Amino acid sequence: HRTKHETSEAEKVLEGNLDGFMEEYLKFNAKK
């Protein structure tokens, strides 16, 4: 069972990880 607070915290972490992943992905493609 998750509270709304736990869910929102998890979403923030996932969004942060996704932002970092996309940044690395764009840098990688820019090198080609």
PDB file of N, CA and C in Angstrom:
ATOM      1  N   HIS A   1       0.846  -1.200   0.000  1.00  0.00           N
ATOM      2  CA  HIS A   1       0.000   0.000   0.000  1.00  0.00           C
ATOM      3  C   HIS A   1       0.877   1.245   0.000  1.00  0.00           C
ATOM      4  N   ARG A   2       0.620   2.135  -0.938  1.00  0.00           N
ATOM      5  CA  ARG A   2       1.407   3.364  -1.023  1.00  0.00           C
ATOM      6  C   ARG A   2       0.552   4.574  -0.701  1.00  0.00           C
ATOM      7  N   THR A   3       1.160   5.510  -0.031  1.00  0.00           N
ATOM      8  CA  THR A   3       0.464   6.770   0.218  1.00  0.00           C
ATOM      9  C   THR A   3       0.725   7.692  -0.966  1.00  0.00           C
ATOM     10  N   LYS A   4      -0.038   8.744  -1.056  1.00  0.00           N
ATOM     11  CA  LYS A   4       0.172   9.692  -2.155  1.00  0.00           C
ATOM     12  C   LYS A   4       1.563  10.307  -2.065  1.00  0.00           C
ATOM     13  N   HIS A   5       2.026  10.516  -0.835  1.00  0.00           N
ATOM     14  CA  HIS A   5       3.349  11.120  -0.654  1.00  0.00           C
ATOM     15  C   HIS A   5       4.434  10.208  -1.224  1.00  0.00           C
ATOM     16  N   GLU A   6       4.360   8.927  -0.922  1.00  0.00           N
ATOM     17  CA  GLU A   6       5.377   7.993  -1.409  1.00  0.00           C
ATOM     18  C   GLU A   6       5.356   7.922  -2.932  1.00  0.00           C
ATOM     19  N   THR A   7       4.174   7.935  -3.497  1.00  0.00           N
ATOM     20  CA  THR A   7       4.064   7.864  -4.947  1.00  0.00           C
ATOM     21  C   THR A   7       4.664   9.101  -5.595  1.00  0.00           C
ATOM     22  N   SER A   8       4.364  10.271  -5.051  1.00  0.00           N
ATOM     23  CA  SER A   8       4.882  11.505  -5.638  1.00  0.00           C
ATOM     24  C   SER A   8       6.403  11.560  -5.528  1.00  0.00           C
ATOM     25  N   GLU A   9       6.944  11.090  -4.413  1.00  0.00           N
ATOM     26  CA  GLU A   9       8.400  11.073  -4.250  1.00  0.00           C
ATOM     27  C   GLU A   9       9.034  10.152  -5.289  1.00  0.00           C
ATOM     28  N   ALA A  10       8.433   9.003  -5.514  1.00  0.00           N
ATOM     29  CA  ALA A  10       8.962   8.054  -6.490  1.00  0.00           C
ATOM     30  C   ALA A  10       8.916   8.666  -7.886  1.00  0.00           C
ATOM     31  N   GLU A  11       7.844   9.369  -8.186  1.00  0.00           N
ATOM     32  CA  GLU A  11       7.720   9.993  -9.505  1.00  0.00           C
ATOM     33  C   GLU A  11       8.793  11.056  -9.704  1.00  0.00           C
ATOM     34  N   LYS A  12       9.091  11.803  -8.653  1.00  0.00           N
ATOM     35  CA  LYS A  12      10.135  12.834  -8.750  1.00  0.00           C
ATOM     36  C   LYS A  12      11.473  12.190  -9.068  1.00  0.00           C
ATOM     37  N   VAL A  13      11.767  11.078  -8.412  1.00  0.00           N
ATOM     38  CA  VAL A  13      13.035  10.383  -8.644  1.00  0.00           C
ATOM     39  C   VAL A  13      13.085   9.852 -10.071  1.00  0.00           C
ATOM     40  N   LEU A  14      11.999   9.252 -10.523  1.00  0.00           N
ATOM     41  CA  LEU A  14      11.966   8.710 -11.876  1.00  0.00           C
ATOM     42  C   LEU A  14      12.127   9.816 -12.904  1.00  0.00           C
ATOM     43  N   GLU A  15      11.468  10.939 -12.681  1.00  0.00           N
ATOM     44  CA  GLU A  15      11.577  12.060 -13.618  1.00  0.00           C
ATOM     45  C   GLU A  15      13.004  12.591 -13.648  1.00  0.00           C
ATOM     46  N   GLY A  16      13.628  12.656 -12.473  1.00  0.00           N
ATOM     47  CA  GLY A  16      15.007  13.136 -12.407  1.00  0.00           C
ATOM     48  C   GLY A  16      15.945  12.198 -13.146  1.00  0.00           C
ATOM     49  N   ASN A  17      15.752  10.891 -12.969  1.00  0.00           N
ATOM     50  CA  ASN A  17      16.591   9.910 -13.649  1.00  0.00           C
ATOM     51  C   ASN A  17      16.373   9.985 -15.152  1.00  0.00           C
ATOM     52  N   LEU A  18      15.126  10.187 -15.560  1.00  0.00           N
ATOM     53  CA  LEU A  18      14.816  10.261 -16.983  1.00  0.00           C
ATOM     54  C   LEU A  18      15.474  11.483 -17.605  1.00  0.00           C
ATOM     55  N   ASP A  19      15.437  12.608 -16.894  1.00  0.00           N
ATOM     56  CA  ASP A  19      16.067  13.825 -17.406  1.00  0.00           C
ATOM     57  C   ASP A  19      17.562  13.600 -17.611  1.00  0.00           C
ATOM     58  N   GLY A  20      18.200  12.960 -16.655  1.00  0.00           N
ATOM     59  CA  GLY A  20      19.630  12.701 -16.759  1.00  0.00           C
ATOM     60  C   GLY A  20      19.928  11.743 -17.898  1.00  0.00           C
ATOM     61  N   PHE A  21      19.086  10.738 -18.068  1.00  0.00           N
ATOM     62  CA  PHE A  21      19.272   9.764 -19.133  1.00  0.00           C
ATOM     63  C   PHE A  21      19.137  10.429 -20.500  1.00  0.00           C
ATOM     64  N   MET A  22      18.123  11.267 -20.649  1.00  0.00           N
ATOM     65  CA  MET A  22      17.902  11.945 -21.927  1.00  0.00           C
ATOM     66  C   MET A  22      19.069  12.874 -22.245  1.00  0.00           C
ATOM     67  N   GLU A  23      19.603  13.527 -21.219  1.00  0.00           N
ATOM     68  CA  GLU A  23      20.734  14.437 -21.444  1.00  0.00           C
ATOM     69  C   GLU A  23      21.934  13.661 -21.967  1.00  0.00           C
ATOM     70  N   GLU A  24      22.220  12.515 -21.357  1.00  0.00           N
ATOM     71  CA  GLU A  24      23.341  11.687 -21.797  1.00  0.00           C
ATOM     72  C   GLU A  24      23.080  11.150 -23.201  1.00  0.00           C
ATOM     73  N   TYR A  25      21.829  10.779 -23.476  1.00  0.00           N
ATOM     74  CA  TYR A  25      21.464  10.239 -24.782  1.00  0.00           C
ATOM     75  C   TYR A  25      21.683  11.282 -25.874  1.00  0.00           C
ATOM     76  N   LEU A  26      21.264  12.521 -25.583  1.00  0.00           N
ATOM     77  CA  LEU A  26      21.430  13.587 -26.574  1.00  0.00           C
ATOM     78  C   LEU A  26      22.907  13.894 -26.798  1.00  0.00           C
ATOM     79  N   LYS A  27      23.698  13.876 -25.743  1.00  0.00           N
ATOM     80  CA  LYS A  27      25.136  14.126 -25.873  1.00  0.00           C
ATOM     81  C   LYS A  27      25.771  13.033 -26.726  1.00  0.00           C
ATOM     82  N   PHE A  28      25.352  11.788 -26.498  1.00  0.00           N
ATOM     83  CA  PHE A  28      25.902  10.656 -27.233  1.00  0.00           C
ATOM     84  C   PHE A  28      25.599  10.788 -28.727  1.00  0.00           C
ATOM     85  N   ASN A  29      24.367  11.148 -29.059  1.00  0.00           N
ATOM     86  CA  ASN A  29      23.979  11.289 -30.459  1.00  0.00           C
ATOM     87  C   ASN A  29      24.653  12.490 -31.103  1.00  0.00           C
ATOM     88  N   ALA A  30      24.927  13.525 -30.329  1.00  0.00           N
ATOM     89  CA  ALA A  30      25.554  14.725 -30.878  1.00  0.00           C
ATOM     90  C   ALA A  30      26.989  14.445 -31.316  1.00  0.00           C
ATOM     91  N   LYS A  31      27.613  13.426 -30.737  1.00  0.00           N
ATOM     92  CA  LYS A  31      29.000  13.097 -31.063  1.00  0.00           C
ATOM     93  C   LYS A  31      29.119  12.409 -32.420  1.00  0.00           C
ATOM     94  N   LYS A  32      28.031  11.843 -32.900  1.00  0.00           N
ATOM     95  CA  LYS A  32      28.085  11.109 -34.166  1.00  0.00           C
ATOM     96  C   LYS A  32      28.316  12.045 -35.355  1.00  0.00           C
TER      97      LYS A  32
END
